[in-house]
Every structure is written in C-alpha cells, then in structure tokens.
C-alpha cells in the first residue's frame, strides 16, 4: 500500500493539534561530527548520486528537495537495518511514552518503516499520488492510537537517524528538505485522520461466528461486526487478535457485501505467523477480534463492459470469489475467467465453491491449475496456464496470491499485451506483511 517516512510502522506520530497548521519542524539535532564514530562512516564518493538503474534515480523534472531526498535515501538504503534500529532506539529512549503504541516484538515493524520512507522519497513530487497514499495511511493509523502530538517526536528521531548515517549526502540543505517533506507528510496524515474521525470509528469490534477448518492450515472465518462495516468486493482490511495486541495483519474479504452484514476471510497459518496461526488454530466462535478500515483498489469497474481475467493463488482465491459475487449482484453478463492455482489438488481448498458458482452463472469459467503432482485440471505455473487461453484484449486482469505469483503474473500478462493500467492487484509490501 501501501508512503510517509514514519507511517508504515505506526511510528507515525507527531504534529500539532488537528486543524492548527502544519506540523512543527523537528527540534534541531546535533551535527553528525559530534556523535558519529569514525568506524561507522562508510566509504563513499564526495558527490553521491544514484545511478540511472537505482530506484532513486533522479528524474529530469525533479524538484531541488526531491533531488536531496533521493540522494539521502540512495545512500542509507544499503544500511537500512542500522538506520531503522537507531531510529527506534532514539524514539523509545527520548519518548518512552510512545512505546505502548507498538507491538512487543518489533521484527516486522522495522522493515515496514524503511519501505515507507523509500516510498515517500520517490513520491514527494507526485502530490496527487502522495496525498492519496498518505490520506489512506492517516486514516489507517487511527487504529494504532496515533495522535497529532506524536508526529514531531517521530520527525525528530527520523532526522537524528539520517544525520547519523547519511554521512556523505547530509547537509544543512538536505536537513531542511527533509524537515519540509516531513512537515507536509505529517499534516496530510493528520488532516485525513481528522476527517475520517467524523464519519467512521478507529476500528470495529467483530465477533467470530463461524470457524471452518478447510485443511490442516487453512480456515474460513466468519465474523459479525458490532456496527455496519462498509467495503467493496476485492478490498481487504487489517485484523488484530486478542492474543497479539497491536499486531495487525491484512486479509481480503472472501465475499461481496452481504445483507446480513457478516464478513468472511480465508486464513492460512504460516510458520512463525503470529496472527495467522492464532486465527486458524486458536480462534473459536465467541472470540472478538478488531477490524481496521477497508483498503485496496482491486475492485470492479461496473461502468466498463470489459470481462474479468482473474488469477487467484492459494488463499488469494478469496477476493476473486468476492469479485465473482459482485459481478453477479450487479446483474450484468460480463465474461469472467478464473484461473485458480495451487501446488496440488488438495490445496485447491475452495474449488467446490468456485465450480458451483460456474454451474450457476454461464458467464463464469473456472480453471484449476496445479504446479506439482498429478491433477485433473491444468498442470504448471498459473501465468503459463493463462497464456494458453485468450485472447485477453477485452479483459481487465485481477491478481491475488503470494507476492511471487503477483510479480510473475503481472510480467506474463503484460507480455501478452494487457496494459499495466488494466492489471489490478494489492500492494506487494502489504501482501508480504500479511504472511506473518
């Protein structure tokens, strides 16, 4: 999803009260020479400029601030683990009151923060895209308890971490650029959170009313929210369980909106996956979980006549099923082609449901694809199977599944002529975060 420097980690904290102007600039940090050990200074050329193949390559139209931000990020990216660890050390030592906002274990937290910083650095000149992205993050951070007054502390510690590790590109000009960028970023998030507070809760309580174990590690979980929960088929939300407070994971809705208000999710327990394992092996009817706000743009354009080409791998079939139901609910006979991939026939845990839908709707075709072992369906990788059919000129593509499948699927679809603007899928970073 998907980014402001601080946001991805609930670390986003700090700025003035809502509606009272831009965030206060971070307090000045000591110059690097005062606290940087010589052995921490990596060798680098005096004029550090990202090359043309770097993700931080500077476009010809880049603003002066964008150039400074990209150079800083290109320098610290190879040591992102050190930068992020130092940032959190500063935050928790200088502002211990913020520690309760974070999960007890910070393993996954650290990576998300730095990825958010990279995204912000790349988007700083794309105001419309940046605003849309940060507005969603600002709304989503309400569930963590983030308040406007938290933002300056986070900005201060970000500047402190960059001052320490951006040994070649840091300067008074670079620091000023980061202060301006963070001030703008934090204010967008604060404003969006304030607007959302007027119309929606920070989170929803939801009681587990159904728990069906489909395989030894996959469960279909149905919950009843404590108040109406608005969402669109193809979207996802974040879940928090009572067993792992402040740890949220993303899961797609497995059905289109229902008249009874119930929500369903397909969850696969992964090794060392705190939330997924708890939901599959521990949750039972009567337990209460929390839901964050809906997110995601993998939704159907009902104004279009294009067909839907859907690739669902593993539990990625859940939002695909929701999309099929959504098309059916709108009563239009648009062709929908579903390729349902798994490693073996046993892992096609929802194939009976999908085949029943195909029998009910003549405009729907469902093709199981198995990569390992014998099968009654298609054999091989999911993207390869799609190439055997078509043409897909009049179809919009939807992909849901593991990050590797998404990447290979997008490459395959673009290779057979489907333009990127007609290919929809969730953020790769968020998909990776869900598998924990």
Protein backbone atom coordinates (compact mmCIF):
# COMPACT_ATOMS: atom_id res chain seq x y z
CA UNK A 1 0.00 0.00 0.00
CA UNK A 2 0.78 0.60 0.60
CA UNK A 3 4.32 6.26 1.96
CA UNK A 4 5.21 8.64 4.60
CA UNK A 5 8.54 8.17 6.25
CA UNK A 6 7.08 7.21 9.57
CA UNK A 7 3.79 5.79 8.69
CA UNK A 8 4.15 2.14 7.87
CA UNK A 9 5.05 1.36 11.39
CA UNK A 10 2.54 3.18 13.48
CA UNK A 11 5.70 5.03 14.33
CA UNK A 12 3.94 7.88 12.71
CA UNK A 13 3.35 10.14 15.47
CA UNK A 14 3.54 13.76 15.98
CA UNK A 15 2.35 17.10 14.72
CA UNK A 16 0.21 19.84 16.15
CA UNK A 17 -3.43 19.58 17.01
CA UNK A 18 -5.74 18.92 14.12
CA UNK A 19 -6.62 21.92 12.04
CA UNK A 20 -3.95 24.17 13.56
CA UNK A 21 -1.49 24.45 10.70
CA UNK A 22 1.45 22.34 9.54
CA UNK A 23 3.48 20.10 11.78
CA UNK A 24 6.13 21.78 13.86
CA UNK A 25 9.63 21.16 12.44
CA UNK A 26 11.67 18.58 14.34
CA UNK A 27 13.91 20.01 17.03
CA UNK A 28 17.49 20.57 15.84
CA UNK A 29 19.77 17.55 16.13
CA UNK A 30 23.48 17.66 16.98
CA UNK A 31 25.72 17.76 13.95
CA UNK A 32 26.98 14.41 12.76
CA UNK A 33 30.58 15.09 13.82
CA UNK A 34 29.54 15.23 17.47
CA UNK A 35 28.21 11.69 17.71
CA UNK A 36 29.40 9.67 14.74
CA UNK A 37 32.23 7.24 15.37
CA UNK A 38 34.86 7.11 12.60
CA UNK A 39 34.36 3.38 12.13
CA UNK A 40 30.68 3.98 11.33
CA UNK A 41 31.40 6.16 8.33
CA UNK A 42 31.20 4.00 5.17
CA UNK A 43 33.47 4.89 2.27
CA UNK A 44 31.61 6.86 -0.37
CA UNK A 45 32.40 9.39 -3.05
CA UNK A 46 32.03 13.01 -2.02
CA UNK A 47 29.33 13.65 -4.61
CA UNK A 48 26.98 10.71 -4.07
CA UNK A 49 24.49 10.49 -6.93
CA UNK A 50 22.21 7.48 -7.56
CA UNK A 51 22.86 5.86 -10.92
CA UNK A 52 20.25 5.50 -13.69
CA UNK A 53 19.32 1.99 -12.53
CA UNK A 54 18.81 2.98 -8.90
CA UNK A 55 15.25 3.14 -7.56
CA UNK A 56 16.25 6.65 -6.51
CA UNK A 57 17.40 7.81 -9.93
CA UNK A 58 16.59 11.50 -10.20
CA UNK A 59 14.10 12.43 -12.95
CA UNK A 60 14.97 15.44 -15.09
CA UNK A 61 11.91 17.22 -13.73
CA UNK A 62 12.72 16.57 -10.07
CA UNK A 63 12.45 19.47 -7.66
CA UNK A 64 15.51 20.53 -5.62
CA UNK A 65 14.03 18.92 -2.49
CA UNK A 66 13.30 15.68 -4.33
CA UNK A 67 16.91 15.53 -5.51
CA UNK A 68 18.20 15.93 -1.96
CA UNK A 69 15.77 13.33 -0.57
CA UNK A 70 16.62 10.75 -3.23
CA UNK A 71 20.36 11.18 -2.71
CA UNK A 72 19.97 10.68 1.03
CA UNK A 73 17.83 7.58 0.59
CA UNK A 74 20.15 6.08 -2.01
CA UNK A 75 23.00 6.41 0.48
CA UNK A 76 21.26 4.88 3.50
CA UNK A 77 19.37 2.11 1.69
CA UNK A 78 22.27 -0.40 1.91
CA UNK A 79 22.39 0.10 5.69
CA UNK A 80 18.65 0.42 6.23
CA UNK A 81 18.71 -2.04 9.13
CA UNK A 82 21.12 0.17 11.08
CA UNK A 83 19.19 3.33 10.26
CA UNK A 84 15.87 1.86 11.33
CA UNK A 85 17.25 0.32 14.52
CA UNK A 86 18.82 3.62 15.50
CA UNK A 87 15.57 5.47 14.74
CA UNK A 88 13.61 3.23 17.10
CA UNK A 89 16.31 3.44 19.77
CA UNK A 90 16.06 7.24 19.68
CA UNK A 91 12.27 7.16 19.69
CA UNK A 92 11.91 4.82 22.65
CA UNK A 93 14.68 6.41 24.74
CA UNK A 94 13.69 10.02 24.13
CA UNK A 95 9.94 9.38 24.08
CA UNK A 96 9.21 6.28 26.21
CA UNK A 97 5.54 7.25 26.38
CA UNK A 98 5.21 6.14 22.73
CA UNK A 99 6.47 2.57 23.32
CA UNK A 100 2.99 1.21 24.25
CA UNK A 101 1.75 2.12 20.76
CA UNK A 102 3.97 -0.58 19.27
CA UNK A 103 3.87 -4.39 19.42
CA UNK A 104 6.12 -6.11 21.92
CA UNK A 105 8.21 -7.68 19.14
CA UNK A 106 9.47 -5.25 16.52
CA UNK A 107 10.76 -7.68 13.86
CA UNK A 108 8.30 -6.93 11.07
CA UNK A 109 7.87 -3.34 12.21
CA UNK A 110 11.38 -2.29 11.26
CA UNK A 111 11.20 -3.27 7.60
CA UNK A 112 7.85 -1.60 7.02
CA UNK A 113 9.05 1.71 8.33
CA UNK A 114 12.01 1.93 5.98
CA UNK A 115 9.94 0.86 2.97
CA UNK A 116 7.57 3.69 3.81
CA UNK A 117 10.47 6.14 3.86
CA UNK A 118 11.62 4.98 0.44
CA UNK A 119 8.15 5.41 -0.98
CA UNK A 120 7.82 8.92 0.41
CA UNK A 121 11.17 9.90 -1.09
CA UNK A 122 10.08 8.72 -4.52
CA UNK A 123 6.62 10.31 -4.38
CA UNK A 124 7.46 13.72 -2.95
CA UNK A 125 6.97 15.45 -6.33
CA UNK A 126 3.78 13.49 -7.20
CA UNK A 127 1.46 15.44 -4.93
CA UNK A 128 -1.79 13.80 -6.02
CA UNK A 129 -0.47 10.26 -5.62
CA UNK A 130 1.32 11.12 -2.39
CA UNK A 131 -1.80 12.72 -0.93
CA UNK A 132 -3.97 9.73 -1.80
CA UNK A 133 -1.45 7.33 -0.31
CA UNK A 134 -0.85 9.32 2.86
CA UNK A 135 -4.55 10.01 3.39
CA UNK A 136 -5.21 6.29 3.48
CA UNK A 137 -2.30 5.78 5.88
CA UNK A 138 -3.50 8.60 8.09
CA UNK A 139 -6.94 7.01 8.33
CA UNK A 140 -5.43 3.59 8.95
CA UNK A 141 -3.18 4.86 11.73
CA UNK A 142 -6.17 5.80 13.83
CA UNK A 143 -6.46 2.18 14.93
CA UNK A 144 -2.98 2.35 16.46
CA UNK A 145 -3.92 5.24 18.71
CA UNK A 146 -1.76 7.73 16.82
CA UNK A 147 -2.44 11.34 17.83
CA UNK A 148 -1.36 14.63 16.20
CA UNK A 149 1.01 15.42 19.06
CA UNK A 150 3.01 12.25 18.32
CA UNK A 151 4.25 13.36 14.92
CA UNK A 152 7.00 15.83 15.97
CA UNK A 153 8.72 13.15 18.06
CA UNK A 154 8.84 10.80 15.10
CA UNK A 155 10.14 13.52 12.78
CA UNK A 156 12.83 14.48 15.29
CA UNK A 157 14.08 10.89 15.52
CA UNK A 158 13.99 10.42 11.76
CA UNK A 159 16.24 13.46 11.34
CA UNK A 160 18.50 12.13 14.07
CA UNK A 161 18.89 8.75 12.35
CA UNK A 162 19.59 10.29 8.94
CA UNK A 163 22.06 12.74 10.47
CA UNK A 164 23.99 9.83 11.92
CA UNK A 165 24.10 7.58 8.86
CA UNK A 166 23.81 9.74 5.72
CA UNK A 167 27.45 10.69 6.15
CA UNK A 168 28.07 11.80 2.57
CA UNK A 169 24.85 13.43 1.43
CA UNK A 170 23.71 15.09 4.66
CA UNK A 171 23.97 18.86 4.83
CA UNK A 172 22.02 21.86 6.09
CA UNK A 173 20.18 21.87 2.76
CA UNK A 174 19.35 18.16 3.00
CA UNK A 175 18.09 18.53 6.56
CA UNK A 176 15.90 21.46 5.55
CA UNK A 177 14.46 19.42 2.67
CA UNK A 178 13.62 16.52 4.99
CA UNK A 179 12.01 18.86 7.52
CA UNK A 180 9.84 20.39 4.79
CA UNK A 181 8.92 16.98 3.41
CA UNK A 182 8.07 15.52 6.81
CA UNK A 183 6.04 18.58 7.78
CA UNK A 184 3.93 18.22 4.64
CA UNK A 185 3.64 14.44 5.02
CA UNK A 186 2.54 14.55 8.65
CA UNK A 187 -0.02 17.28 8.01
CA UNK A 188 -1.68 15.28 5.23
CA UNK A 189 -1.98 12.31 7.57
CA UNK A 190 -3.30 14.39 10.45
CA UNK A 191 -5.93 16.06 8.27
CA UNK A 192 -7.13 12.79 6.77
CA UNK A 193 -7.42 11.21 10.22
CA UNK A 194 -9.43 14.19 11.46
CA UNK A 195 -11.82 13.98 8.52
CA UNK A 196 -12.24 10.23 8.94
CA UNK A 197 -12.95 10.61 12.65
CA UNK A 198 -16.15 12.47 11.77
CA UNK A 199 -17.60 9.55 9.80
CA UNK A 200 -16.03 6.26 10.97
CA UNK A 201 -14.67 4.58 14.11
CA UNK A 202 -10.95 3.97 14.52
CA UNK A 203 -11.71 0.23 14.48
CA UNK A 204 -14.63 -2.19 14.56
CA UNK A 205 -15.14 -4.96 17.11
CA UNK A 206 -16.18 -8.21 15.41
CA UNK A 207 -17.35 -11.46 16.98
CA UNK A 208 -16.29 -14.74 15.41
CA UNK A 209 -19.49 -16.58 14.48
CA UNK A 210 -18.03 -19.24 12.18
CA UNK A 211 -14.72 -21.12 12.04
CA UNK A 212 -14.39 -23.84 9.39
CA UNK A 213 -11.08 -25.67 9.05
CA UNK A 214 -10.71 -26.50 5.34
CA UNK A 215 -7.22 -28.05 5.55
CA UNK A 216 -4.80 -28.52 8.44
CA UNK A 217 -3.58 -24.93 7.98
CA UNK A 218 -6.42 -23.05 6.23
CA UNK A 219 -9.57 -21.81 7.91
CA UNK A 220 -12.61 -19.88 6.67
CA UNK A 221 -13.52 -17.42 9.40
CA UNK A 222 -16.83 -15.53 9.54
CA UNK A 223 -17.34 -12.53 11.84
CA UNK A 224 -20.15 -10.18 12.81
CA UNK A 225 -19.05 -6.52 13.22
CA UNK A 226 -20.51 -4.54 16.10
CA UNK A 227 -21.72 -1.85 13.65
CA UNK A 228 -22.15 -1.58 9.86
CA UNK A 229 -18.88 -2.11 8.01
CA UNK A 230 -18.76 -0.54 4.51
CA UNK A 231 -16.44 -2.12 1.95
CA UNK A 232 -16.26 -3.18 -1.69
CA UNK A 233 -15.66 -6.65 -3.12
CA UNK A 234 -11.95 -7.08 -3.84
CA UNK A 235 -10.82 -4.94 -0.91
CA UNK A 236 -9.00 -6.04 2.24
CA UNK A 237 -8.76 -4.99 5.87
CA UNK A 238 -6.39 -5.40 8.80
CA UNK A 239 -7.14 -7.71 11.72
CA UNK A 240 -5.92 -7.68 15.32
CA UNK A 241 -6.48 -10.67 17.61
CA UNK A 242 -6.79 -10.58 21.41
CA UNK A 243 -3.74 -12.85 21.67
CA UNK A 244 -1.31 -10.47 19.93
CA UNK A 245 -2.23 -6.88 20.87
CA UNK A 246 -1.09 -4.11 18.49
CA UNK A 247 -0.11 -6.65 15.81
CA UNK A 248 -2.24 -6.14 12.69
CA UNK A 249 -2.24 -8.22 9.50
CA UNK A 250 -4.01 -7.72 6.19
CA UNK A 251 -6.69 -10.13 4.91
CA UNK A 252 -9.00 -9.87 1.91
CA UNK A 253 -12.76 -10.16 2.19
CA UNK A 254 -13.85 -13.55 0.88
CA UNK A 255 -17.35 -12.45 -0.13
CA UNK A 256 -19.11 -9.45 -1.57
CA UNK A 257 -21.08 -7.30 0.92
CA UNK A 258 -23.94 -9.34 2.39
CA UNK A 259 -27.39 -8.28 3.53
CA UNK A 260 -26.79 -9.86 6.96
CA UNK A 261 -23.60 -7.81 7.46
CA UNK A 262 -21.37 -10.84 8.05
CA UNK A 263 -17.76 -10.81 6.80
CA UNK A 264 -15.64 -13.81 5.79
CA UNK A 265 -11.88 -14.32 5.49
CA UNK A 266 -9.68 -17.18 4.28
CA UNK A 267 -6.62 -17.51 6.52
CA UNK A 268 -3.59 -19.73 6.03
CA UNK A 269 -1.39 -20.37 9.07
CA UNK A 270 2.23 -19.80 8.11
CA UNK A 271 5.34 -20.80 10.09
CA UNK A 272 6.00 -18.28 12.88
CA UNK A 273 2.89 -16.39 11.79
CA UNK A 274 1.51 -14.92 14.98
CA UNK A 275 -1.82 -13.63 13.74
CA UNK A 276 -2.45 -16.25 11.07
CA UNK A 277 -1.69 -19.16 13.42
CA UNK A 278 -3.91 -17.68 16.12
CA UNK A 279 -6.80 -17.23 13.72
CA UNK A 280 -6.52 -20.75 12.28
CA UNK A 281 -5.65 -22.79 15.37
CA UNK A 282 -6.90 -20.76 18.33
CA UNK A 283 -9.89 -18.62 17.33
CA UNK A 284 -13.34 -20.03 18.06
CA UNK A 285 -16.92 -18.74 17.82
CA UNK A 286 -17.48 -16.15 20.52
CA UNK A 287 -13.98 -14.68 20.33
CA UNK A 288 -13.80 -10.98 19.48
CA UNK A 289 -11.26 -9.51 17.08
CA UNK A 290 -10.71 -5.97 15.79
CA UNK A 291 -11.05 -4.77 12.19
CA UNK A 292 -9.31 -1.76 10.73
CA UNK A 293 -10.80 0.29 7.88
CA UNK A 294 -11.19 -1.26 4.41
CA UNK A 295 -8.50 -0.56 1.82
CA UNK A 296 -7.43 -1.62 -1.65
CA UNK A 297 -8.36 -0.73 -5.22
CA UNK A 298 -8.73 -4.23 -6.69
CA UNK A 299 -12.40 -3.54 -7.32
CA UNK A 300 -14.69 -3.97 -10.32
CA UNK A 301 -15.39 -1.03 -12.61
CA UNK A 302 -19.10 -1.58 -13.20
CA UNK A 303 -19.20 1.17 -15.84
CA UNK A 304 -16.96 -0.93 -18.11
CA UNK A 305 -18.01 -3.71 -20.48
CA UNK A 306 -14.65 -5.47 -20.23
CA UNK A 307 -14.50 -9.02 -18.99
CA UNK A 308 -12.59 -10.05 -15.88
CA UNK A 309 -9.48 -12.23 -16.08
CA UNK A 310 -8.81 -13.40 -12.52
CA UNK A 311 -5.72 -15.18 -11.21
CA UNK A 312 -6.02 -16.48 -7.65
CA UNK A 313 -3.22 -18.40 -5.96
CA UNK A 314 -3.76 -20.20 -2.64
CA UNK A 315 -5.93 -18.15 -0.28
CA UNK A 316 -5.79 -15.44 -2.95
CA UNK A 317 -8.93 -17.09 -4.32
CA UNK A 318 -10.87 -15.34 -1.51
CA UNK A 319 -11.11 -11.85 -3.09
CA UNK A 320 -11.57 -13.45 -6.52
CA UNK A 321 -14.66 -15.20 -5.21
CA UNK A 322 -15.88 -11.85 -3.86
CA UNK A 323 -15.39 -10.26 -7.29
CA UNK A 324 -17.45 -13.02 -8.94
CA UNK A 325 -20.26 -12.45 -6.45
CA UNK A 326 -20.05 -8.71 -7.07
CA UNK A 327 -20.47 -9.15 -10.82
CA UNK A 328 -23.43 -11.46 -10.19
CA UNK A 329 -25.02 -8.96 -7.78
CA UNK A 330 -24.91 -6.26 -10.46
CA UNK A 331 -26.82 -8.50 -12.87
CA UNK A 332 -24.65 -8.00 -15.95
CA UNK A 333 -23.47 -10.95 -18.01
CA UNK A 334 -19.82 -9.93 -18.29
CA UNK A 335 -17.42 -12.80 -19.02
CA UNK A 336 -15.33 -13.78 -16.02
CA UNK A 337 -12.41 -16.21 -16.43
CA UNK A 338 -10.91 -17.55 -13.19
CA UNK A 339 -7.58 -19.40 -13.03
CA UNK A 340 -7.26 -20.93 -9.55
CA UNK A 341 -3.72 -22.03 -8.74
CA UNK A 342 -2.26 -24.28 -6.03
CA UNK A 343 0.63 -26.68 -5.55
CA UNK A 344 -1.57 -29.77 -5.58
CA UNK A 345 -5.22 -30.75 -5.80
CA UNK A 346 -5.52 -30.93 -2.02
CA UNK A 347 -4.58 -27.25 -1.72
CA UNK A 348 -7.48 -26.25 -4.01
CA UNK A 349 -9.49 -25.97 -0.80
CA UNK A 350 -12.25 -23.79 -2.28
CA UNK A 351 -12.58 -25.41 -5.69
CA UNK A 352 -16.03 -26.89 -4.97
CA UNK A 353 -17.38 -23.43 -4.15
CA UNK A 354 -15.93 -21.96 -7.32
CA UNK A 355 -17.25 -24.80 -9.50
CA UNK A 356 -20.72 -24.38 -8.02
CA UNK A 357 -20.60 -20.71 -8.96
CA UNK A 358 -19.54 -21.68 -12.50
CA UNK A 359 -22.53 -24.01 -12.77
CA UNK A 360 -24.84 -21.24 -11.61
CA UNK A 361 -23.52 -18.48 -13.88
CA UNK A 362 -22.97 -19.26 -17.58
CA UNK A 363 -20.68 -16.24 -17.97
CA UNK A 364 -18.17 -17.69 -15.46
CA UNK A 365 -15.38 -20.17 -16.28
CA UNK A 366 -13.17 -21.68 -13.55
CA UNK A 367 -9.91 -23.50 -14.38
CA UNK A 368 -7.86 -25.13 -11.59
CA UNK A 369 -4.10 -25.06 -12.17
CA UNK A 370 -1.73 -27.30 -10.19
CA UNK A 371 2.03 -26.77 -10.22
CA UNK A 372 3.17 -30.00 -8.50
CA UNK A 373 1.88 -33.54 -8.83
CA UNK A 374 -0.95 -35.16 -10.80
CA UNK A 375 -4.18 -33.29 -11.31
CA UNK A 376 -7.48 -33.39 -13.14
CA UNK A 377 -7.03 -29.75 -14.08
CA UNK A 378 -4.25 -27.83 -15.80
CA UNK A 379 -0.63 -28.51 -14.88
CA UNK A 380 2.11 -25.92 -14.48
CA UNK A 381 2.51 -22.39 -13.23
CA UNK A 382 -0.50 -20.11 -13.10
CA UNK A 383 0.86 -17.43 -15.50
CA UNK A 384 1.84 -20.10 -18.03
CA UNK A 385 -1.67 -21.54 -17.97
CA UNK A 386 -3.18 -18.14 -18.74
CA UNK A 387 -1.04 -17.87 -21.87
CA UNK A 388 -2.72 -21.00 -23.29
CA UNK A 389 -6.06 -19.22 -23.45
CA UNK A 390 -7.30 -15.87 -24.65
CA UNK A 391 -7.09 -13.55 -26.39
CA UNK A 392 -7.49 -11.17 -23.47
CA UNK A 393 -7.81 -7.88 -25.37
CA UNK A 394 -11.25 -7.16 -23.92
CA UNK A 395 -10.44 -8.17 -20.32
CA UNK A 396 -9.28 -6.39 -17.18
CA UNK A 397 -6.93 -8.52 -15.07
CA UNK A 398 -7.13 -9.12 -11.31
CA UNK A 399 -4.39 -10.95 -9.40
CA UNK A 400 -4.42 -12.17 -5.81
CA UNK A 401 -2.00 -14.51 -4.10
CA UNK A 402 1.59 -14.73 -2.84
CA UNK A 403 3.94 -11.85 -3.80
CA UNK A 404 5.96 -14.06 -6.15
CA UNK A 405 2.84 -15.11 -8.03
CA UNK A 406 1.77 -11.48 -8.37
CA UNK A 407 5.12 -10.44 -9.82
CA UNK A 408 5.30 -13.30 -12.32
CA UNK A 409 1.64 -12.89 -13.19
CA UNK A 410 1.99 -9.19 -13.95
CA UNK A 411 5.02 -9.89 -16.14
CA UNK A 412 3.14 -12.62 -18.02
CA UNK A 413 0.03 -10.50 -18.56
CA UNK A 414 1.99 -7.52 -19.82
CA UNK A 415 3.93 -9.90 -22.04
CA UNK A 416 0.72 -10.99 -23.79
CA UNK A 417 -0.37 -7.43 -24.36
CA UNK A 418 -2.50 -6.40 -21.38
CA UNK A 419 -1.50 -2.82 -20.46
CA UNK A 420 -0.49 -2.13 -16.89
CA UNK A 421 -3.43 0.21 -16.22
CA UNK A 422 -5.79 -2.75 -16.76
CA UNK A 423 -3.98 -5.00 -14.25
CA UNK A 424 -5.08 -4.73 -10.63
CA UNK A 425 -3.60 -6.28 -7.50
CA UNK A 426 -2.86 -5.38 -3.91
CA UNK A 427 0.42 -3.85 -2.76
CA UNK A 428 3.30 -6.33 -2.81
CA UNK A 429 4.56 -4.97 0.53
CA UNK A 430 1.17 -5.45 2.16
CA UNK A 431 0.89 -8.96 0.76
CA UNK A 432 4.25 -9.82 2.29
CA UNK A 433 3.18 -8.32 5.61
CA UNK A 434 0.02 -10.44 5.62
CA UNK A 435 2.05 -13.65 5.60
CA UNK A 436 3.19 -13.29 9.19
